[in-house]
Structures are given as C-alpha cells and as structure tokens.
Amino acid sequence: MDQVFSAYVFKSLQGNRNRWNSAQALSAYSFTKQDINSFTGFAKTLYRVDGFQYLNSHQKERIKQRLKQEFARQLWEEMGVYTVTSTYDFELQKALTILH
C-alpha cells in the first residue's frame, strides 16, 4: 500500500509543489472529501485497491495522516515527516516533551 501513497503524492505534486509553503501549513491542512475521493479513485483505477467505502472513521483518518506524511516526505524529507507526525502522534509528543 505504501507504493500507492507514494505514487499518488508524486503525481499530485507534479507541477504543484507549492501547494503548502511549510510542513506546518501541511499539518494544519484538512483533507476534504474530494481530496480523499481523488486518492481512492487513483488507488482503485491504477492499483485495483478497493473497499474504501467500508472504512470506518478511524481508518479514514489514518489515510489522511498517511497522505500528510507522504506529502511531507516528498516535499521536505524526514524533517517534514516528523513535523507532520508530531501533531497527532501522542507517543512522539510525550518523547519530545521529555527530551526538552
């Protein structure tokens, strides 16, 4: 499934790498239903991944998080991923609090 996220984000960023000016802006962005439908349509058409209509709200939220991580990775490499992940990963937040 990682390949699907990677390919979708790569395609989405072609000619549109300035959609977010920072990892913080990406973190604050709320993916719309249209954004998710675009991803699921891509996954179904090109990779024959189906069944998205059966996902619960937690699973849909995880897809949004994974998309943010992949956008951050392709735009800002690992530091972008950490920035995005730190907004919802409670274990990472706790570790950062202890380290600081």
C-alpha atoms as a PDB file:
ATOM      1  CA  MET A   1       0.000   0.000   0.000  1.00  0.00           C
ATOM      2  CA  ASP A   2       2.987   2.336   0.538  1.00  0.00           C
ATOM      3  CA  GLN A   3       3.556   2.323  -3.209  1.00  0.00           C
ATOM      4  CA  VAL A   4       0.021   3.633  -3.771  1.00  0.00           C
ATOM      5  CA  PHE A   5       0.533   6.563  -1.387  1.00  0.00           C
ATOM      6  CA  SER A   6       3.935   7.342  -2.871  1.00  0.00           C
ATOM      7  CA  ALA A   7       2.707   7.219  -6.476  1.00  0.00           C
ATOM      8  CA  TYR A   8      -0.391   9.293  -5.721  1.00  0.00           C
ATOM      9  CA  VAL A   9       1.579  12.025  -3.949  1.00  0.00           C
ATOM     10  CA  PHE A  10       4.260  12.069  -6.641  1.00  0.00           C
ATOM     11  CA  LYS A  11       1.570  12.533  -9.308  1.00  0.00           C
ATOM     12  CA  SER A  12      -0.210  15.186  -7.226  1.00  0.00           C
ATOM     13  CA  LEU A  13       2.953  17.214  -6.774  1.00  0.00           C
ATOM     14  CA  GLN A  14       3.885  17.324 -10.446  1.00  0.00           C
ATOM     15  CA  GLY A  15       3.717  20.999 -11.340  1.00  0.00           C
ATOM     16  CA  ASN A  16       2.168  21.792  -7.944  1.00  0.00           C
ATOM     17  CA  ARG A  17       4.970  21.652  -5.374  1.00  0.00           C
ATOM     18  CA  ASN A  18       3.951  24.978  -3.823  1.00  0.00           C
ATOM     19  CA  ARG A  19       0.577  23.861  -2.502  1.00  0.00           C
ATOM     20  CA  TRP A  20       1.931  24.184   1.054  1.00  0.00           C
ATOM     21  CA  ASN A  21       4.790  26.516   1.910  1.00  0.00           C
ATOM     22  CA  SER A  22       5.836  24.589   5.021  1.00  0.00           C
ATOM     23  CA  ALA A  23       5.340  21.337   6.894  1.00  0.00           C
ATOM     24  CA  GLN A  24       3.395  23.321   9.495  1.00  0.00           C
ATOM     25  CA  ALA A  25       0.965  24.516   6.812  1.00  0.00           C
ATOM     26  CA  LEU A  26       0.528  20.919   5.650  1.00  0.00           C
ATOM     27  CA  SER A  27      -0.059  19.820   9.244  1.00  0.00           C
ATOM     28  CA  ALA A  28      -2.840  22.383   9.611  1.00  0.00           C
ATOM     29  CA  TYR A  29      -4.479  21.421   6.321  1.00  0.00           C
ATOM     30  CA  SER A  30      -7.700  19.386   6.497  1.00  0.00           C
ATOM     31  CA  PHE A  31      -8.083  16.994   3.613  1.00  0.00           C
ATOM     32  CA  THR A  32     -11.504  17.351   2.035  1.00  0.00           C
ATOM     33  CA  LYS A  33     -13.834  14.606   0.918  1.00  0.00           C
ATOM     34  CA  GLN A  34     -12.808  15.495  -2.645  1.00  0.00           C
ATOM     35  CA  ASP A  35      -9.121  15.007  -1.735  1.00  0.00           C
ATOM     36  CA  ILE A  36      -9.857  11.562  -0.307  1.00  0.00           C
ATOM     37  CA  ASN A  37     -12.043  10.615  -3.265  1.00  0.00           C
ATOM     38  CA  SER A  38      -9.198  11.590  -5.577  1.00  0.00           C
ATOM     39  CA  PHE A  39      -6.820   9.297  -3.685  1.00  0.00           C
ATOM     40  CA  THR A  40      -9.241   6.364  -3.501  1.00  0.00           C
ATOM     41  CA  GLY A  41     -10.115   6.742  -7.193  1.00  0.00           C
ATOM     42  CA  PHE A  42      -6.408   6.696  -8.049  1.00  0.00           C
ATOM     43  CA  ALA A  43      -5.838   3.613  -5.881  1.00  0.00           C
ATOM     44  CA  LYS A  44      -8.787   1.793  -7.390  1.00  0.00           C
ATOM     45  CA  THR A  45      -8.059   2.671 -11.017  1.00  0.00           C
ATOM     46  CA  LEU A  46      -4.303   2.201 -11.146  1.00  0.00           C
ATOM     47  CA  TYR A  47      -3.700  -0.348  -8.395  1.00  0.00           C
ATOM     48  CA  ARG A  48      -7.048  -2.135  -8.121  1.00  0.00           C
ATOM     49  CA  VAL A  49      -7.260  -1.321  -4.427  1.00  0.00           C
ATOM     50  CA  ASP A  50     -10.919  -1.319  -3.461  1.00  0.00           C
ATOM     51  CA  GLY A  51     -13.157  -1.424  -0.427  1.00  0.00           C
ATOM     52  CA  PHE A  52     -12.687   2.145   0.738  1.00  0.00           C
ATOM     53  CA  GLN A  53     -16.453   2.517   1.162  1.00  0.00           C
ATOM     54  CA  TYR A  54     -16.246   0.062   4.076  1.00  0.00           C
ATOM     55  CA  LEU A  55     -13.695   2.022   6.095  1.00  0.00           C
ATOM     56  CA  ASN A  56     -14.680   3.405   9.473  1.00  0.00           C
ATOM     57  CA  SER A  57     -13.857   6.959  10.565  1.00  0.00           C
ATOM     58  CA  HIS A  58     -10.633   5.900  12.325  1.00  0.00           C
ATOM     59  CA  GLN A  59      -9.374   4.164   9.182  1.00  0.00           C
ATOM     60  CA  LYS A  60     -10.233   7.194   7.041  1.00  0.00           C
ATOM     61  CA  GLU A  61      -8.368   9.415   9.472  1.00  0.00           C
ATOM     62  CA  ARG A  62      -5.351   7.118   9.208  1.00  0.00           C
ATOM     63  CA  ILE A  63      -5.412   7.514   5.410  1.00  0.00           C
ATOM     64  CA  LYS A  64      -5.369  11.298   5.839  1.00  0.00           C
ATOM     65  CA  GLN A  65      -2.428  11.042   8.229  1.00  0.00           C
ATOM     66  CA  ARG A  66      -0.540   8.747   5.882  1.00  0.00           C
ATOM     67  CA  LEU A  67      -1.144  11.133   2.973  1.00  0.00           C
ATOM     68  CA  LYS A  68       0.208  14.037   5.021  1.00  0.00           C
ATOM     69  CA  GLN A  69       3.282  12.007   5.924  1.00  0.00           C
ATOM     70  CA  GLU A  70       3.935  11.150   2.289  1.00  0.00           C
ATOM     71  CA  PHE A  71       3.430  14.729   1.076  1.00  0.00           C
ATOM     72  CA  ALA A  72       5.834  15.884   3.814  1.00  0.00           C
ATOM     73  CA  ARG A  73       8.396  13.209   2.904  1.00  0.00           C
ATOM     74  CA  GLN A  74       8.405  14.144  -0.759  1.00  0.00           C
ATOM     75  CA  LEU A  75       8.478  17.889  -0.095  1.00  0.00           C
ATOM     76  CA  TRP A  76      10.725  18.259   2.970  1.00  0.00           C
ATOM     77  CA  GLU A  77      12.177  14.793   3.557  1.00  0.00           C
ATOM     78  CA  GLU A  78      12.329  13.323   7.065  1.00  0.00           C
ATOM     79  CA  MET A  79      12.122  16.606   8.997  1.00  0.00           C
ATOM     80  CA  GLY A  80       8.815  17.320   7.290  1.00  0.00           C
ATOM     81  CA  VAL A  81       7.530  13.898   8.268  1.00  0.00           C
ATOM     82  CA  TYR A  82       8.469  14.486  11.912  1.00  0.00           C
ATOM     83  CA  THR A  83       6.755  17.883  11.878  1.00  0.00           C
ATOM     84  CA  VAL A  84       3.537  16.448  10.467  1.00  0.00           C
ATOM     85  CA  THR A  85       3.585  13.320  12.616  1.00  0.00           C
ATOM     86  CA  SER A  86       4.189  15.251  15.815  1.00  0.00           C
ATOM     87  CA  THR A  87       0.765  16.907  15.526  1.00  0.00           C
ATOM     88  CA  TYR A  88      -1.130  13.638  16.108  1.00  0.00           C
ATOM     89  CA  ASP A  89       1.344  11.074  17.451  1.00  0.00           C
ATOM     90  CA  PHE A  90       0.910  11.237  21.220  1.00  0.00           C
ATOM     91  CA  GLU A  91       3.892   8.988  21.919  1.00  0.00           C
ATOM     92  CA  LEU A  92       6.135  11.239  19.847  1.00  0.00           C
ATOM     93  CA  GLN A  93       4.735  14.315  21.627  1.00  0.00           C
ATOM     94  CA  LYS A  94       5.498  12.740  25.006  1.00  0.00           C
ATOM     95  CA  ALA A  95       9.028  11.800  23.932  1.00  0.00           C
ATOM     96  CA  LEU A  96       9.690  15.347  22.695  1.00  0.00           C
ATOM     97  CA  THR A  97       8.376  16.754  25.982  1.00  0.00           C
ATOM     98  CA  ILE A  98      10.722  14.517  27.965  1.00  0.00           C
ATOM     99  CA  LEU A  99      13.685  15.431  25.765  1.00  0.00           C
ATOM    100  CA  HIS A 100      13.056  19.144  26.120  1.00  0.00           C
END
